[in-house]
Amino acid sequence: MMNLNLTFLGQMLTFIIFVLFTMRYVWPPIMKAIQERQEKIADGLTAAEQGRLALAESEQKAEKTLNEAKNQAGYIIENANKRAHLLVDEAKDKAHQEGERILNQSKAEIDKEMQKAKLVLKSQVASIALLGAEKILRSHINEAEHAALIEKLITEI
């Protein structure tokens, strides 16, 4: 039995040496690695929380900026519509003025043409009157011929 006790004692001594060796050389690096990993995880969680807060803040800023942009766009569109209405009104006024100017110019041209036509007509009437007077003077005047010539002259005029 001694062998068993000695074996048991040898195994126990080996185990104690193994535990001491493990506690002295293996366990500290493992604990250090575990502690570093815990710190990295804690830092990661802190960074994630900060990132979440930064994201929420960025979303608020983006929403505020978007609302400001929408308001500014609405203001620009409103001003553009006002400007468009003003331009349309100005164009209508200019078109009306141009129409008035063209109408007045056309009336003036019509008046000129009427004056020219009246002058031509007066000239033709005078020529006809002269022709009629010439015919009257050349022929001997008798009351019937005189009335016929005047009637003919009136119809020609």
Protein backbone atom coordinates (compact mmCIF):
# COMPACT_ATOMS: atom_id res chain seq x y z
CA MET A 1 0.00 0.00 0.00
CA MET A 2 2.76 2.10 0.30
CA ASN A 3 2.99 2.39 -3.33
CA LEU A 4 -0.47 3.73 -3.46
CA ASN A 5 0.19 6.25 -0.77
CA LEU A 6 3.43 7.24 -2.32
CA THR A 7 1.76 7.55 -5.72
CA PHE A 8 -1.04 9.46 -4.16
CA LEU A 9 1.42 11.70 -2.35
CA GLY A 10 3.40 12.17 -5.57
CA GLN A 11 0.31 13.08 -7.49
CA MET A 12 -0.72 15.47 -4.77
CA LEU A 13 2.67 17.08 -4.71
CA THR A 14 2.67 17.36 -8.50
CA PHE A 15 -0.80 18.82 -8.39
CA ILE A 16 0.24 21.39 -5.76
CA ILE A 17 3.30 22.31 -7.84
CA PHE A 18 1.10 22.52 -10.90
CA VAL A 19 -1.40 24.76 -9.06
CA LEU A 20 1.39 26.95 -7.70
CA PHE A 21 3.02 27.14 -11.13
CA THR A 22 -0.34 27.95 -12.71
CA MET A 23 -1.11 30.57 -10.03
CA ARG A 24 2.31 32.12 -10.44
CA TYR A 25 2.85 32.09 -14.25
CA VAL A 26 -0.37 31.18 -16.08
CA TRP A 27 -3.14 32.72 -14.00
CA PRO A 28 -1.85 36.37 -13.91
CA PRO A 29 -1.64 36.75 -17.73
CA ILE A 30 -5.07 35.16 -18.12
CA MET A 31 -6.52 37.46 -15.44
CA LYS A 32 -4.77 40.42 -17.04
CA ALA A 33 -6.21 39.47 -20.48
CA ILE A 34 -9.68 39.04 -18.94
CA GLN A 35 -9.40 42.39 -17.17
CA GLU A 36 -8.21 44.12 -20.38
CA ARG A 37 -11.08 42.51 -22.27
CA GLN A 38 -13.55 43.71 -19.59
CA GLU A 39 -12.12 47.23 -19.87
CA LYS A 40 -12.36 47.13 -23.68
CA ILE A 41 -15.97 45.94 -23.45
CA ALA A 42 -16.76 48.68 -20.89
CA ASP A 43 -15.05 51.26 -23.14
CA GLY A 44 -16.96 49.92 -26.13
CA LEU A 45 -20.26 50.16 -24.26
CA THR A 46 -19.41 53.71 -23.17
CA ALA A 47 -18.45 54.61 -26.74
CA ALA A 48 -21.66 53.02 -28.03
CA GLU A 49 -23.73 55.05 -25.56
CA GLN A 50 -21.88 58.22 -26.56
CA GLY A 51 -22.42 57.32 -30.20
CA ARG A 52 -26.13 56.76 -29.60
CA LEU A 53 -26.36 60.16 -27.88
CA ALA A 54 -24.37 61.80 -30.69
CA LEU A 55 -26.66 60.13 -33.25
CA ALA A 56 -29.76 61.41 -31.47
CA GLU A 57 -28.26 64.90 -31.32
CA SER A 58 -27.29 64.71 -35.00
CA GLU A 59 -30.80 63.59 -35.92
CA GLN A 60 -32.24 66.57 -34.04
CA LYS A 61 -29.83 68.92 -35.79
CA ALA A 62 -30.62 67.35 -39.15
CA GLU A 63 -34.36 67.69 -38.52
CA LYS A 64 -33.90 71.32 -37.46
CA THR A 65 -31.79 72.02 -40.55
CA LEU A 66 -34.35 70.27 -42.75
CA ASN A 67 -37.19 72.33 -41.26
CA GLU A 68 -35.20 75.53 -41.79
CA ALA A 69 -34.50 74.49 -45.38
CA LYS A 70 -38.20 73.75 -45.94
CA ASN A 71 -39.15 77.15 -44.50
CA GLN A 72 -36.55 78.90 -46.63
CA ALA A 73 -37.69 76.98 -49.72
CA GLY A 74 -41.29 78.02 -49.00
CA TYR A 75 -40.20 81.62 -48.63
CA ILE A 76 -38.24 81.45 -51.90
CA ILE A 77 -41.19 79.86 -53.72
CA GLU A 78 -43.55 82.50 -52.34
CA ASN A 79 -41.23 85.28 -53.48
CA ALA A 80 -40.84 83.63 -56.88
CA ASN A 81 -44.63 83.44 -57.25
CA LYS A 82 -44.96 87.11 -56.29
CA ARG A 83 -42.23 88.02 -58.77
CA ALA A 84 -43.91 85.93 -61.46
CA HIS A 85 -47.23 87.71 -60.86
CA LEU A 86 -45.46 91.07 -61.02
CA LEU A 87 -43.76 90.09 -64.27
CA VAL A 88 -47.07 88.92 -65.74
CA ASP A 89 -48.74 92.17 -64.69
CA GLU A 90 -45.86 94.20 -66.15
CA ALA A 91 -46.07 92.20 -69.38
CA LYS A 92 -49.83 92.80 -69.53
CA ASP A 93 -49.30 96.53 -68.99
CA LYS A 94 -46.60 96.65 -71.66
CA ALA A 95 -48.78 94.67 -74.06
CA HIS A 96 -51.71 97.01 -73.37
CA GLN A 97 -49.49 100.05 -73.93
CA GLU A 98 -48.07 98.52 -77.10
CA GLY A 99 -51.60 97.76 -78.27
CA GLU A 100 -52.63 101.36 -77.58
CA ARG A 101 -49.56 102.62 -79.45
CA ILE A 102 -50.27 100.37 -82.43
CA LEU A 103 -53.94 101.37 -82.39
CA ASN A 104 -53.05 105.08 -82.30
CA GLN A 105 -50.47 104.57 -85.05
CA SER A 106 -53.06 102.70 -87.13
CA LYS A 107 -55.62 105.47 -86.58
CA ALA A 108 -53.03 108.05 -87.63
CA GLU A 109 -52.25 106.05 -90.78
CA ILE A 110 -55.96 105.68 -91.53
CA ASP A 111 -56.42 109.45 -91.08
CA LYS A 112 -53.48 110.07 -93.45
CA GLU A 113 -54.91 107.70 -96.03
CA MET A 114 -58.34 109.35 -95.67
CA GLN A 115 -56.73 112.78 -96.21
CA LYS A 116 -54.90 111.44 -99.27
CA ALA A 117 -58.12 109.91 -100.58
CA LYS A 118 -59.99 113.18 -99.99
CA LEU A 119 -57.27 115.09 -101.84
CA VAL A 120 -57.39 112.63 -104.73
CA LEU A 121 -61.18 112.80 -104.72
CA LYS A 122 -61.13 116.61 -104.67
CA SER A 123 -58.62 116.58 -107.50
CA GLN A 124 -60.81 114.20 -109.50
CA VAL A 125 -63.94 116.27 -108.74
CA ALA A 126 -62.12 119.40 -109.83
CA SER A 127 -60.96 117.68 -113.02
CA ILE A 128 -64.47 116.46 -113.73
CA ALA A 129 -65.85 119.92 -113.00
CA LEU A 130 -63.30 121.46 -115.36
CA LEU A 131 -64.12 118.89 -118.03
CA GLY A 132 -67.79 119.59 -117.55
CA ALA A 133 -67.24 123.33 -117.73
CA GLU A 134 -65.10 122.91 -120.83
CA LYS A 135 -67.80 120.85 -122.51
CA ILE A 136 -70.42 123.42 -121.55
CA LEU A 137 -68.39 126.28 -122.92
CA ARG A 138 -67.57 124.54 -126.18
CA SER A 139 -71.07 123.65 -127.04
CA HIS A 140 -73.73 126.23 -127.59
CA ILE A 141 -75.85 126.53 -124.65
CA ASN A 142 -79.40 125.56 -124.79
CA GLU A 143 -81.51 124.96 -121.79
CA ALA A 144 -82.09 121.21 -122.37
CA GLU A 145 -78.43 120.46 -123.13
CA HIS A 146 -77.39 122.53 -120.14
CA ALA A 147 -79.66 120.50 -117.79
CA ALA A 148 -78.48 117.20 -119.35
CA LEU A 149 -74.82 118.17 -118.89
CA ILE A 150 -75.39 119.17 -115.28
CA GLU A 151 -77.25 115.93 -114.65
CA LYS A 152 -74.41 113.97 -116.29
CA LEU A 153 -71.84 115.90 -114.24
CA ILE A 154 -73.72 115.15 -111.01
CA THR A 155 -73.84 111.44 -111.80
CA GLU A 156 -70.11 111.40 -112.56
CA ILE A 157 -69.29 113.07 -109.26
